[in-house]
Amino acid sequence: MKTLKETECREIVKVVKISGEAAVKRRIMDMGITKGTELCVKKIAPLGDPIEITVRGYELSLRKEDADKIIVE
């Protein structure tokens, strides 16, 4: 298993689990990232932060810190 932070650009992955504190998990899930959701990594900023993904048909930017809490396959 790997995290969203370790995912390559243009790679499509599926969310397996969201780790972290309850408040962080809730914030990530409120963005539409839930277990079983497919994500596509669109762009990664030159210094790696933020990561731009497509989820449920819309573009979303995530910090590396948050992307590290999303476990994907």
C-alpha atoms as a PDB file:
ATOM      1  CA  MET A   1       0.000   0.000   0.000  1.00  0.00           C
ATOM      2  CA  LYS A   2       1.096   3.559  -0.633  1.00  0.00           C
ATOM      3  CA  THR A   3      -0.163   7.029   0.165  1.00  0.00           C
ATOM      4  CA  LEU A   4      -1.514   9.636  -2.234  1.00  0.00           C
ATOM      5  CA  LYS A   5       1.667  11.631  -1.557  1.00  0.00           C
ATOM      6  CA  GLU A   6       3.731   8.827  -3.152  1.00  0.00           C
ATOM      7  CA  THR A   7       1.488   8.570  -6.229  1.00  0.00           C
ATOM      8  CA  GLU A   8       2.930   9.570  -9.605  1.00  0.00           C
ATOM      9  CA  CYS A   9       1.486  12.249 -11.882  1.00  0.00           C
ATOM     10  CA  ARG A  10      -1.385  11.051 -14.185  1.00  0.00           C
ATOM     11  CA  GLU A  11      -1.818   7.894 -12.104  1.00  0.00           C
ATOM     12  CA  ILE A  12      -5.363   6.772 -11.228  1.00  0.00           C
ATOM     13  CA  VAL A  13      -5.728   5.228  -7.776  1.00  0.00           C
ATOM     14  CA  LYS A  14      -8.495   4.071  -5.436  1.00  0.00           C
ATOM     15  CA  VAL A  15      -8.805   5.203  -1.812  1.00  0.00           C
ATOM     16  CA  VAL A  16      -8.396   2.308   0.631  1.00  0.00           C
ATOM     17  CA  LYS A  17      -8.290   4.170   3.945  1.00  0.00           C
ATOM     18  CA  ILE A  18      -7.951   7.624   5.466  1.00  0.00           C
ATOM     19  CA  SER A  19      -5.732   7.766   8.535  1.00  0.00           C
ATOM     20  CA  GLY A  20      -5.137  10.528  11.057  1.00  0.00           C
ATOM     21  CA  GLU A  21      -7.098  12.388  13.691  1.00  0.00           C
ATOM     22  CA  ALA A  22     -10.894  12.566  13.534  1.00  0.00           C
ATOM     23  CA  ALA A  23     -10.942  16.271  12.567  1.00  0.00           C
ATOM     24  CA  VAL A  24      -8.488  15.720   9.704  1.00  0.00           C
ATOM     25  CA  LYS A  25     -10.369  12.639   8.470  1.00  0.00           C
ATOM     26  CA  ARG A  26     -13.655  14.568   8.527  1.00  0.00           C
ATOM     27  CA  ARG A  27     -12.161  17.479   6.548  1.00  0.00           C
ATOM     28  CA  ILE A  28     -10.758  15.116   3.892  1.00  0.00           C
ATOM     29  CA  MET A  29     -14.069  13.234   3.641  1.00  0.00           C
ATOM     30  CA  ASP A  30     -15.966  16.537   3.366  1.00  0.00           C
ATOM     31  CA  MET A  31     -13.923  17.227   0.210  1.00  0.00           C
ATOM     32  CA  GLY A  32     -15.418  14.083  -1.359  1.00  0.00           C
ATOM     33  CA  ILE A  33     -12.475  11.774  -0.724  1.00  0.00           C
ATOM     34  CA  THR A  34     -13.973   8.642   0.815  1.00  0.00           C
ATOM     35  CA  LYS A  35     -13.117   4.930   0.857  1.00  0.00           C
ATOM     36  CA  GLY A  36     -13.539   3.412  -2.613  1.00  0.00           C
ATOM     37  CA  THR A  37     -13.313   6.747  -4.468  1.00  0.00           C
ATOM     38  CA  GLU A  38     -11.085   6.895  -7.558  1.00  0.00           C
ATOM     39  CA  LEU A  39      -8.615   9.774  -7.747  1.00  0.00           C
ATOM     40  CA  CYS A  40      -6.412  10.954 -10.588  1.00  0.00           C
ATOM     41  CA  VAL A  41      -3.258  12.904  -9.793  1.00  0.00           C
ATOM     42  CA  LYS A  42      -3.190  15.769 -12.315  1.00  0.00           C
ATOM     43  CA  LYS A  43      -0.188  17.859 -11.263  1.00  0.00           C
ATOM     44  CA  ILE A  44       2.428  17.999  -8.558  1.00  0.00           C
ATOM     45  CA  ALA A  45       3.943  21.395  -7.786  1.00  0.00           C
ATOM     46  CA  PRO A  46       7.715  21.768  -8.352  1.00  0.00           C
ATOM     47  CA  LEU A  47       8.471  21.475  -4.636  1.00  0.00           C
ATOM     48  CA  GLY A  48       5.821  18.759  -4.206  1.00  0.00           C
ATOM     49  CA  ASP A  49       3.275  20.903  -2.401  1.00  0.00           C
ATOM     50  CA  PRO A  50       0.370  21.102  -3.255  1.00  0.00           C
ATOM     51  CA  ILE A  51      -0.824  18.110  -5.253  1.00  0.00           C
ATOM     52  CA  GLU A  52      -3.674  18.700  -7.701  1.00  0.00           C
ATOM     53  CA  ILE A  53      -6.109  15.800  -8.089  1.00  0.00           C
ATOM     54  CA  THR A  54      -9.392  15.101  -9.843  1.00  0.00           C
ATOM     55  CA  VAL A  55     -12.039  13.565  -7.597  1.00  0.00           C
ATOM     56  CA  ARG A  56     -15.715  13.051  -8.472  1.00  0.00           C
ATOM     57  CA  GLY A  57     -15.361  15.248 -11.562  1.00  0.00           C
ATOM     58  CA  TYR A  58     -13.754  18.314  -9.979  1.00  0.00           C
ATOM     59  CA  GLU A  59     -10.224  19.590  -9.407  1.00  0.00           C
ATOM     60  CA  LEU A  60      -8.872  19.735  -5.875  1.00  0.00           C
ATOM     61  CA  SER A  61      -5.530  20.798  -4.407  1.00  0.00           C
ATOM     62  CA  LEU A  62      -4.196  18.979  -1.350  1.00  0.00           C
ATOM     63  CA  ARG A  63      -1.229  19.681   0.870  1.00  0.00           C
ATOM     64  CA  LYS A  64       1.434  16.960   1.099  1.00  0.00           C
ATOM     65  CA  GLU A  65       0.601  16.634   4.785  1.00  0.00           C
ATOM     66  CA  ASP A  66      -3.032  15.704   3.964  1.00  0.00           C
ATOM     67  CA  ALA A  67      -2.109  13.531   0.956  1.00  0.00           C
ATOM     68  CA  ASP A  68       0.143  11.478   3.244  1.00  0.00           C
ATOM     69  CA  LYS A  69      -2.929  10.457   5.283  1.00  0.00           C
ATOM     70  CA  ILE A  70      -4.786   8.997   2.263  1.00  0.00           C
ATOM     71  CA  ILE A  71      -3.840   5.359   1.663  1.00  0.00           C
ATOM     72  CA  VAL A  72      -4.440   4.209  -1.927  1.00  0.00           C
ATOM     73  CA  GLU A  73      -3.986   1.200  -4.204  1.00  0.00           C
END
